[in-house]
Amino acid sequence: MMVWEYKVTNHVIEELKKCVDSPDTKKTIACDEAGKCMVNDVCKIGTEALASVLNELGKERWELIMTNYHHGVMLCIWKRPEEKQ
């Protein structure tokens, strides 16, 4: 049976905050089959900074299983197989 280890991290990514005022920001609306819709701001600013955060923990074998971005802070939930002792 696989046993998982979990980790929760918070990241302030200043580059992503710049998306709010960027002229390149585009509003997108995505809806699911149940009719729930979300509005997202999409821009290219900060993608390298975001990738850097994800790659840093990925190198330690952490797999990102959930993320949420709100008010300039990205919350990430990670998992990896627990090492046998």
PDB file of N, CA and C in Angstrom:
ATOM      1  N   MET A   1       0.844  -1.182   0.000  1.00  0.00           N
ATOM      2  CA  MET A   1       0.000   0.000   0.000  1.00  0.00           C
ATOM      3  C   MET A   1       0.887   1.244   0.000  1.00  0.00           C
ATOM      4  N   MET A   2       0.582   2.185  -0.885  1.00  0.00           N
ATOM      5  CA  MET A   2       1.353   3.420  -0.988  1.00  0.00           C
ATOM      6  C   MET A   2       0.990   4.342   0.172  1.00  0.00           C
ATOM      7  N   VAL A   3       2.007   4.874   0.800  1.00  0.00           N
ATOM      8  CA  VAL A   3       1.815   5.858   1.875  1.00  0.00           C
ATOM      9  C   VAL A   3       2.356   7.185   1.369  1.00  0.00           C
ATOM     10  N   TRP A   4       1.553   8.245   1.528  1.00  0.00           N
ATOM     11  CA  TRP A   4       1.917   9.555   0.994  1.00  0.00           C
ATOM     12  C   TRP A   4       2.335  10.499   2.109  1.00  0.00           C
ATOM     13  N   GLU A   5       3.243  11.377   1.772  1.00  0.00           N
ATOM     14  CA  GLU A   5       3.650  12.486   2.620  1.00  0.00           C
ATOM     15  C   GLU A   5       3.105  13.745   1.943  1.00  0.00           C
ATOM     16  N   TYR A   6       2.555  14.676   2.726  1.00  0.00           N
ATOM     17  CA  TYR A   6       1.964  15.891   2.156  1.00  0.00           C
ATOM     18  C   TYR A   6       2.676  17.131   2.669  1.00  0.00           C
ATOM     19  N   LYS A   7       2.617  18.178   1.865  1.00  0.00           N
ATOM     20  CA  LYS A   7       3.254  19.444   2.217  1.00  0.00           C
ATOM     21  C   LYS A   7       2.371  20.568   1.686  1.00  0.00           C
ATOM     22  N   VAL A   8       2.200  21.632   2.481  1.00  0.00           N
ATOM     23  CA  VAL A   8       1.440  22.811   2.060  1.00  0.00           C
ATOM     24  C   VAL A   8       2.396  23.993   2.089  1.00  0.00           C
ATOM     25  N   THR A   9       2.452  24.739   0.991  1.00  0.00           N
ATOM     26  CA  THR A   9       3.341  25.893   0.919  1.00  0.00           C
ATOM     27  C   THR A   9       2.578  27.121   0.449  1.00  0.00           C
ATOM     28  N   ASN A  10       3.056  28.291   0.840  1.00  0.00           N
ATOM     29  CA  ASN A  10       2.532  29.574   0.371  1.00  0.00           C
ATOM     30  C   ASN A  10       3.648  30.310  -0.337  1.00  0.00           C
ATOM     31  N   HIS A  11       3.326  30.939  -1.448  1.00  0.00           N
ATOM     32  CA  HIS A  11       4.331  31.658  -2.227  1.00  0.00           C
ATOM     33  C   HIS A  11       3.778  33.015  -2.644  1.00  0.00           C
ATOM     34  N   VAL A  12       4.515  34.069  -2.321  1.00  0.00           N
ATOM     35  CA  VAL A  12       4.182  35.400  -2.815  1.00  0.00           C
ATOM     36  C   VAL A  12       5.018  35.599  -4.068  1.00  0.00           C
ATOM     37  N   ILE A  13       4.372  35.729  -5.192  1.00  0.00           N
ATOM     38  CA  ILE A  13       5.073  35.868  -6.468  1.00  0.00           C
ATOM     39  C   ILE A  13       4.771  37.267  -6.997  1.00  0.00           C
ATOM     40  N   GLU A  14       5.707  38.168  -6.712  1.00  0.00           N
ATOM     41  CA  GLU A  14       5.507  39.580  -7.063  1.00  0.00           C
ATOM     42  C   GLU A  14       5.218  39.770  -8.543  1.00  0.00           C
ATOM     43  N   GLU A  15       5.868  38.975  -9.388  1.00  0.00           N
ATOM     44  CA  GLU A  15       5.651  39.105 -10.826  1.00  0.00           C
ATOM     45  C   GLU A  15       4.192  38.841 -11.195  1.00  0.00           C
ATOM     46  N   LEU A  16       3.542  37.911 -10.495  1.00  0.00           N
ATOM     47  CA  LEU A  16       2.138  37.610 -10.802  1.00  0.00           C
ATOM     48  C   LEU A  16       1.214  38.738 -10.368  1.00  0.00           C
ATOM     49  N   LYS A  17       1.601  39.474  -9.331  1.00  0.00           N
ATOM     50  CA  LYS A  17       0.790  40.613  -8.901  1.00  0.00           C
ATOM     51  C   LYS A  17       0.711  41.671  -9.999  1.00  0.00           C
ATOM     52  N   LYS A  18       1.744  41.750 -10.830  1.00  0.00           N
ATOM     53  CA  LYS A  18       1.777  42.740 -11.899  1.00  0.00           C
ATOM     54  C   LYS A  18       0.724  42.456 -12.965  1.00  0.00           C
ATOM     55  N   CYS A  19       0.199  41.250 -13.004  1.00  0.00           N
ATOM     56  CA  CYS A  19      -0.835  40.903 -13.983  1.00  0.00           C
ATOM     57  C   CYS A  19      -2.091  41.764 -13.810  1.00  0.00           C
ATOM     58  N   VAL A  20      -2.360  42.163 -12.597  1.00  0.00           N
ATOM     59  CA  VAL A  20      -3.587  42.914 -12.311  1.00  0.00           C
ATOM     60  C   VAL A  20      -3.650  44.192 -13.126  1.00  0.00           C
ATOM     61  N   ASP A  21      -2.529  44.904 -13.222  1.00  0.00           N
ATOM     62  CA  ASP A  21      -2.515  46.189 -13.915  1.00  0.00           C
ATOM     63  C   ASP A  21      -1.938  46.116 -15.327  1.00  0.00           C
ATOM     64  N   SER A  22      -1.626  44.946 -15.794  1.00  0.00           N
ATOM     65  CA  SER A  22      -0.998  44.794 -17.099  1.00  0.00           C
ATOM     66  C   SER A  22      -2.001  44.968 -18.228  1.00  0.00           C
ATOM     67  N   PRO A  23      -1.605  45.703 -19.281  1.00  0.00           N
ATOM     68  CA  PRO A  23      -2.492  45.818 -20.449  1.00  0.00           C
ATOM     69  C   PRO A  23      -2.609  44.491 -21.206  1.00  0.00           C
ATOM     70  N   ASP A  24      -1.711  43.559 -20.910  1.00  0.00           N
ATOM     71  CA  ASP A  24      -1.757  42.247 -21.570  1.00  0.00           C
ATOM     72  C   ASP A  24      -2.741  41.286 -20.904  1.00  0.00           C
ATOM     73  N   THR A  25      -3.285  41.685 -19.752  1.00  0.00           N
ATOM     74  CA  THR A  25      -4.191  40.801 -19.025  1.00  0.00           C
ATOM     75  C   THR A  25      -5.504  40.656 -19.775  1.00  0.00           C
ATOM     76  N   LYS A  26      -5.947  39.408 -19.881  1.00  0.00           N
ATOM     77  CA  LYS A  26      -7.216  39.121 -20.548  1.00  0.00           C
ATOM     78  C   LYS A  26      -8.121  38.392 -19.567  1.00  0.00           C
ATOM     79  N   LYS A  27      -9.362  38.801 -19.516  1.00  0.00           N
ATOM     80  CA  LYS A  27     -10.344  38.115 -18.677  1.00  0.00           C
ATOM     81  C   LYS A  27     -10.890  36.924 -19.455  1.00  0.00           C
ATOM     82  N   THR A  28     -10.918  35.781 -18.807  1.00  0.00           N
ATOM     83  CA  THR A  28     -11.528  34.605 -19.414  1.00  0.00           C
ATOM     84  C   THR A  28     -12.578  34.066 -18.453  1.00  0.00           C
ATOM     85  N   ILE A  29     -13.609  33.502 -18.995  1.00  0.00           N
ATOM     86  CA  ILE A  29     -14.653  32.886 -18.185  1.00  0.00           C
ATOM     87  C   ILE A  29     -14.717  31.416 -18.572  1.00  0.00           C
ATOM     88  N   ALA A  30     -14.585  30.555 -17.572  1.00  0.00           N
ATOM     89  CA  ALA A  30     -14.640  29.113 -17.812  1.00  0.00           C
ATOM     90  C   ALA A  30     -15.789  28.530 -17.001  1.00  0.00           C
ATOM     91  N   CYS A  31     -16.615  27.723 -17.639  1.00  0.00           N
ATOM     92  CA  CYS A  31     -17.764  27.114 -16.977  1.00  0.00           C
ATOM     93  C   CYS A  31     -17.679  25.592 -17.082  1.00  0.00           C
ATOM     94  N   ASP A  32     -18.133  24.924 -16.025  1.00  0.00           N
ATOM     95  CA  ASP A  32     -18.152  23.462 -16.072  1.00  0.00           C
ATOM     96  C   ASP A  32     -19.534  22.983 -16.500  1.00  0.00           C
ATOM     97  N   GLU A  33     -19.701  21.668 -16.581  1.00  0.00           N
ATOM     98  CA  GLU A  33     -20.968  21.100 -17.049  1.00  0.00           C
ATOM     99  C   GLU A  33     -22.134  21.394 -16.110  1.00  0.00           C
ATOM    100  N   ALA A  34     -21.845  21.634 -14.829  1.00  0.00           N
ATOM    101  CA  ALA A  34     -22.900  21.929 -13.859  1.00  0.00           C
ATOM    102  C   ALA A  34     -23.314  23.399 -13.907  1.00  0.00           C
ATOM    103  N   GLY A  35     -22.611  24.207 -14.710  1.00  0.00           N
ATOM    104  CA  GLY A  35     -22.969  25.613 -14.832  1.00  0.00           C
ATOM    105  C   GLY A  35     -22.188  26.532 -13.903  1.00  0.00           C
ATOM    106  N   LYS A  36     -21.237  26.005 -13.137  1.00  0.00           N
ATOM    107  CA  LYS A  36     -20.399  26.852 -12.293  1.00  0.00           C
ATOM    108  C   LYS A  36     -19.373  27.530 -13.176  1.00  0.00           C
ATOM    109  N   CYS A  37     -19.264  28.839 -13.008  1.00  0.00           N
ATOM    110  CA  CYS A  37     -18.327  29.597 -13.834  1.00  0.00           C
ATOM    111  C   CYS A  37     -17.336  30.363 -12.957  1.00  0.00           C
ATOM    112  N   MET A  38     -16.120  30.525 -13.478  1.00  0.00           N
ATOM    113  CA  MET A  38     -15.088  31.289 -12.792  1.00  0.00           C
ATOM    114  C   MET A  38     -14.496  32.280 -13.781  1.00  0.00           C
ATOM    115  N   VAL A  39     -14.160  33.460 -13.280  1.00  0.00           N
ATOM    116  CA  VAL A  39     -13.492  34.472 -14.083  1.00  0.00           C
ATOM    117  C   VAL A  39     -12.014  34.439 -13.729  1.00  0.00           C
ATOM    118  N   ASN A  40     -11.167  34.361 -14.715  1.00  0.00           N
ATOM    119  CA  ASN A  40      -9.722  34.307 -14.498  1.00  0.00           C
ATOM    120  C   ASN A  40      -9.044  35.439 -15.250  1.00  0.00           C
ATOM    121  N   ASP A  41      -8.003  35.993 -14.612  1.00  0.00           N
ATOM    122  CA  ASP A  41      -7.142  36.958 -15.288  1.00  0.00           C
ATOM    123  C   ASP A  41      -5.947  36.190 -15.815  1.00  0.00           C
ATOM    124  N   VAL A  42      -5.701  36.315 -17.090  1.00  0.00           N
ATOM    125  CA  VAL A  42      -4.617  35.570 -17.714  1.00  0.00           C
ATOM    126  C   VAL A  42      -3.627  36.555 -18.330  1.00  0.00           C
ATOM    127  N   CYS A  43      -2.355  36.400 -17.997  1.00  0.00           N
ATOM    128  CA  CYS A  43      -1.314  37.180 -18.650  1.00  0.00           C
ATOM    129  C   CYS A  43      -0.020  36.387 -18.628  1.00  0.00           C
ATOM    130  N   LYS A  44       0.941  36.829 -19.406  1.00  0.00           N
ATOM    131  CA  LYS A  44       2.197  36.093 -19.520  1.00  0.00           C
ATOM    132  C   LYS A  44       3.222  36.515 -18.471  1.00  0.00           C
ATOM    133  N   ILE A  45       2.965  37.624 -17.772  1.00  0.00           N
ATOM    134  CA  ILE A  45       3.929  38.104 -16.775  1.00  0.00           C
ATOM    135  C   ILE A  45       4.052  37.078 -15.657  1.00  0.00           C
ATOM    136  N   GLY A  46       5.268  36.779 -15.271  1.00  0.00           N
ATOM    137  CA  GLY A  46       5.484  35.933 -14.103  1.00  0.00           C
ATOM    138  C   GLY A  46       5.492  34.448 -14.358  1.00  0.00           C
ATOM    139  N   THR A  47       5.351  34.014 -15.579  1.00  0.00           N
ATOM    140  CA  THR A  47       5.306  32.572 -15.811  1.00  0.00           C
ATOM    141  C   THR A  47       6.643  31.904 -15.482  1.00  0.00           C
ATOM    142  N   GLU A  48       7.759  32.614 -15.726  1.00  0.00           N
ATOM    143  CA  GLU A  48       9.057  32.041 -15.373  1.00  0.00           C
ATOM    144  C   GLU A  48       9.207  31.933 -13.854  1.00  0.00           C
ATOM    145  N   ALA A  49       8.735  32.953 -13.128  1.00  0.00           N
ATOM    146  CA  ALA A  49       8.808  32.911 -11.665  1.00  0.00           C
ATOM    147  C   ALA A  49       7.951  31.779 -11.121  1.00  0.00           C
ATOM    148  N   LEU A  50       6.788  31.597 -11.701  1.00  0.00           N
ATOM    149  CA  LEU A  50       5.904  30.509 -11.289  1.00  0.00           C
ATOM    150  C   LEU A  50       6.551  29.154 -11.573  1.00  0.00           C
ATOM    151  N   ALA A  51       7.107  28.986 -12.751  1.00  0.00           N
ATOM    152  CA  ALA A  51       7.768  27.731 -13.110  1.00  0.00           C
ATOM    153  C   ALA A  51       8.937  27.448 -12.175  1.00  0.00           C
ATOM    154  N   SER A  52       9.657  28.485 -11.786  1.00  0.00           N
ATOM    155  CA  SER A  52      10.789  28.318 -10.873  1.00  0.00           C
ATOM    156  C   SER A  52      10.345  27.752  -9.526  1.00  0.00           C
ATOM    157  N   VAL A  53       9.242  28.275  -8.987  1.00  0.00           N
ATOM    158  CA  VAL A  53       8.707  27.772  -7.714  1.00  0.00           C
ATOM    159  C   VAL A  53       8.311  26.307  -7.859  1.00  0.00           C
ATOM    160  N   LEU A  54       7.613  25.972  -8.931  1.00  0.00           N
ATOM    161  CA  LEU A  54       7.155  24.603  -9.129  1.00  0.00           C
ATOM    162  C   LEU A  54       8.321  23.643  -9.364  1.00  0.00           C
ATOM    163  N   ASN A  55       9.286  24.062 -10.152  1.00  0.00           N
ATOM    164  CA  ASN A  55      10.435  23.197 -10.434  1.00  0.00           C
ATOM    165  C   ASN A  55      11.297  22.953  -9.204  1.00  0.00           C
ATOM    166  N   GLU A  56      11.381  23.945  -8.329  1.00  0.00           N
ATOM    167  CA  GLU A  56      12.194  23.807  -7.115  1.00  0.00           C
ATOM    168  C   GLU A  56      11.733  22.609  -6.276  1.00  0.00           C
ATOM    169  N   LEU A  57      10.440  22.527  -6.015  1.00  0.00           N
ATOM    170  CA  LEU A  57       9.938  21.404  -5.221  1.00  0.00           C
ATOM    171  C   LEU A  57       9.805  20.132  -6.051  1.00  0.00           C
ATOM    172  N   GLY A  58       9.602  20.267  -7.343  1.00  0.00           N
ATOM    173  CA  GLY A  58       9.556  19.094  -8.213  1.00  0.00           C
ATOM    174  C   GLY A  58      10.867  18.330  -8.196  1.00  0.00           C
ATOM    175  N   LYS A  59      11.972  19.051  -8.078  1.00  0.00           N
ATOM    176  CA  LYS A  59      13.287  18.407  -8.011  1.00  0.00           C
ATOM    177  C   LYS A  59      13.437  17.573  -6.740  1.00  0.00           C
ATOM    178  N   GLU A  60      12.646  17.896  -5.730  1.00  0.00           N
ATOM    179  CA  GLU A  60      12.672  17.135  -4.474  1.00  0.00           C
ATOM    180  C   GLU A  60      11.615  16.034  -4.477  1.00  0.00           C
ATOM    181  N   ARG A  61      11.106  15.700  -5.677  1.00  0.00           N
ATOM    182  CA  ARG A  61      10.122  14.636  -5.899  1.00  0.00           C
ATOM    183  C   ARG A  61       8.718  14.992  -5.407  1.00  0.00           C
ATOM    184  N   TRP A  62       8.433  16.256  -5.098  1.00  0.00           N
ATOM    185  CA  TRP A  62       7.084  16.665  -4.715  1.00  0.00           C
ATOM    186  C   TRP A  62       6.241  16.808  -5.972  1.00  0.00           C
ATOM    187  N   GLU A  63       5.012  16.307  -5.926  1.00  0.00           N
ATOM    188  CA  GLU A  63       4.058  16.437  -7.027  1.00  0.00           C
ATOM    189  C   GLU A  63       2.982  17.428  -6.603  1.00  0.00           C
ATOM    190  N   LEU A  64       2.768  18.453  -7.407  1.00  0.00           N
ATOM    191  CA  LEU A  64       1.736  19.443  -7.120  1.00  0.00           C
ATOM    192  C   LEU A  64       0.372  18.812  -7.368  1.00  0.00           C
ATOM    193  N   ILE A  65      -0.492  18.815  -6.344  1.00  0.00           N
ATOM    194  CA  ILE A  65      -1.810  18.206  -6.526  1.00  0.00           C
ATOM    195  C   ILE A  65      -2.933  19.232  -6.481  1.00  0.00           C
ATOM    196  N   MET A  66      -2.647  20.427  -5.960  1.00  0.00           N
ATOM    197  CA  MET A  66      -3.669  21.471  -5.946  1.00  0.00           C
ATOM    198  C   MET A  66      -3.004  22.823  -5.757  1.00  0.00           C
ATOM    199  N   THR A  67      -3.553  23.829  -6.376  1.00  0.00           N
ATOM    200  CA  THR A  67      -3.057  25.183  -6.185  1.00  0.00           C
ATOM    201  C   THR A  67      -4.220  26.160  -6.229  1.00  0.00           C
ATOM    202  N   ASN A  68      -4.060  27.273  -5.515  1.00  0.00           N
ATOM    203  CA  ASN A  68      -5.047  28.335  -5.508  1.00  0.00           C
ATOM    204  C   ASN A  68      -4.291  29.646  -5.400  1.00  0.00           C
ATOM    205  N   TYR A  69      -4.691  30.634  -6.153  1.00  0.00           N
ATOM    206  CA  TYR A  69      -4.036  31.937  -6.152  1.00  0.00           C
ATOM    207  C   TYR A  69      -5.052  32.978  -5.743  1.00  0.00           C
ATOM    208  N   HIS A  70      -4.718  33.779  -4.710  1.00  0.00           N
ATOM    209  CA  HIS A  70      -5.652  34.785  -4.229  1.00  0.00           C
ATOM    210  C   HIS A  70      -4.876  35.924  -3.584  1.00  0.00           C
ATOM    211  N   HIS A  71      -5.147  37.124  -4.015  1.00  0.00           N
ATOM    212  CA  HIS A  71      -4.532  38.329  -3.443  1.00  0.00           C
ATOM    213  C   HIS A  71      -3.011  38.253  -3.388  1.00  0.00           C
ATOM    214  N   GLY A  72      -2.405  37.775  -4.444  1.00  0.00           N
ATOM    215  CA  GLY A  72      -0.956  37.780  -4.538  1.00  0.00           C
ATOM    216  C   GLY A  72      -0.247  36.629  -3.863  1.00  0.00           C
ATOM    217  N   VAL A  73      -0.990  35.693  -3.291  1.00  0.00           N
ATOM    218  CA  VAL A  73      -0.369  34.543  -2.623  1.00  0.00           C
ATOM    219  C   VAL A  73      -0.860  33.267  -3.296  1.00  0.00           C
ATOM    220  N   MET A  74       0.087  32.405  -3.632  1.00  0.00           N
ATOM    221  CA  MET A  74      -0.255  31.128  -4.225  1.00  0.00           C
ATOM    222  C   MET A  74      -0.104  30.041  -3.168  1.00  0.00           C
ATOM    223  N   LEU A  75      -1.182  29.343  -2.896  1.00  0.00           N
ATOM    224  CA  LEU A  75      -1.184  28.210  -1.965  1.00  0.00           C
ATOM    225  C   LEU A  75      -1.019  26.938  -2.792  1.00  0.00           C
ATOM    226  N   CYS A  76      -0.075  26.100  -2.388  1.00  0.00           N
ATOM    227  CA  CYS A  76       0.169  24.849  -3.107  1.00  0.00           C
ATOM    228  C   CYS A  76       0.087  23.679  -2.143  1.00  0.00           C
ATOM    229  N   ILE A  77      -0.527  22.605  -2.600  1.00  0.00           N
ATOM    230  CA  ILE A  77      -0.548  21.358  -1.841  1.00  0.00           C
ATOM    231  C   ILE A  77       0.194  20.331  -2.682  1.00  0.00           C
ATOM    232  N   TRP A  78       1.161  19.670  -2.045  1.00  0.00           N
ATOM    233  CA  TRP A  78       2.059  18.737  -2.707  1.00  0.00           C
ATOM    234  C   TRP A  78       1.961  17.373  -2.056  1.00  0.00           C
ATOM    235  N   LYS A  79       2.347  16.339  -2.793  1.00  0.00           N
ATOM    236  CA  LYS A  79       2.469  14.994  -2.201  1.00  0.00           C
ATOM    237  C   LYS A  79       3.645  14.282  -2.840  1.00  0.00           C
ATOM    238  N   ARG A  80       4.172  13.328  -2.106  1.00  0.00           N
ATOM    239  CA  ARG A  80       5.199  12.434  -2.634  1.00  0.00           C
ATOM    240  C   ARG A  80       5.152  11.155  -1.819  1.00  0.00           C
ATOM    241  N   PRO A  81       5.615  10.062  -2.397  1.00  0.00           N
ATOM    242  CA  PRO A  81       5.630   8.809  -1.640  1.00  0.00           C
ATOM    243  C   PRO A  81       6.512   8.951  -0.410  1.00  0.00           C
ATOM    244  N   GLU A  82       5.992   8.470   0.704  1.00  0.00           N
ATOM    245  CA  GLU A  82       6.770   8.512   1.944  1.00  0.00           C
ATOM    246  C   GLU A  82       7.896   7.504   1.839  1.00  0.00           C
ATOM    247  N   GLU A  83       9.083   7.921   2.237  1.00  0.00           N
ATOM    248  CA  GLU A  83      10.225   7.015   2.185  1.00  0.00           C
ATOM    249  C   GLU A  83      10.138   6.003   3.313  1.00  0.00           C
ATOM    250  N   LYS A  84      10.460   4.764   2.995  1.00  0.00           N
ATOM    251  CA  LYS A  84      10.436   3.707   4.014  1.00  0.00           C
ATOM    252  C   LYS A  84      11.565   3.939   5.001  1.00  0.00           C
ATOM    253  N   GLN A  85      11.248   3.717   6.258  1.00  0.00           N
ATOM    254  CA  GLN A  85      12.260   3.945   7.303  1.00  0.00           C
ATOM    255  C   GLN A  85      12.892   2.674   7.744  1.00  0.00           C
TER     256      GLN A  85
END
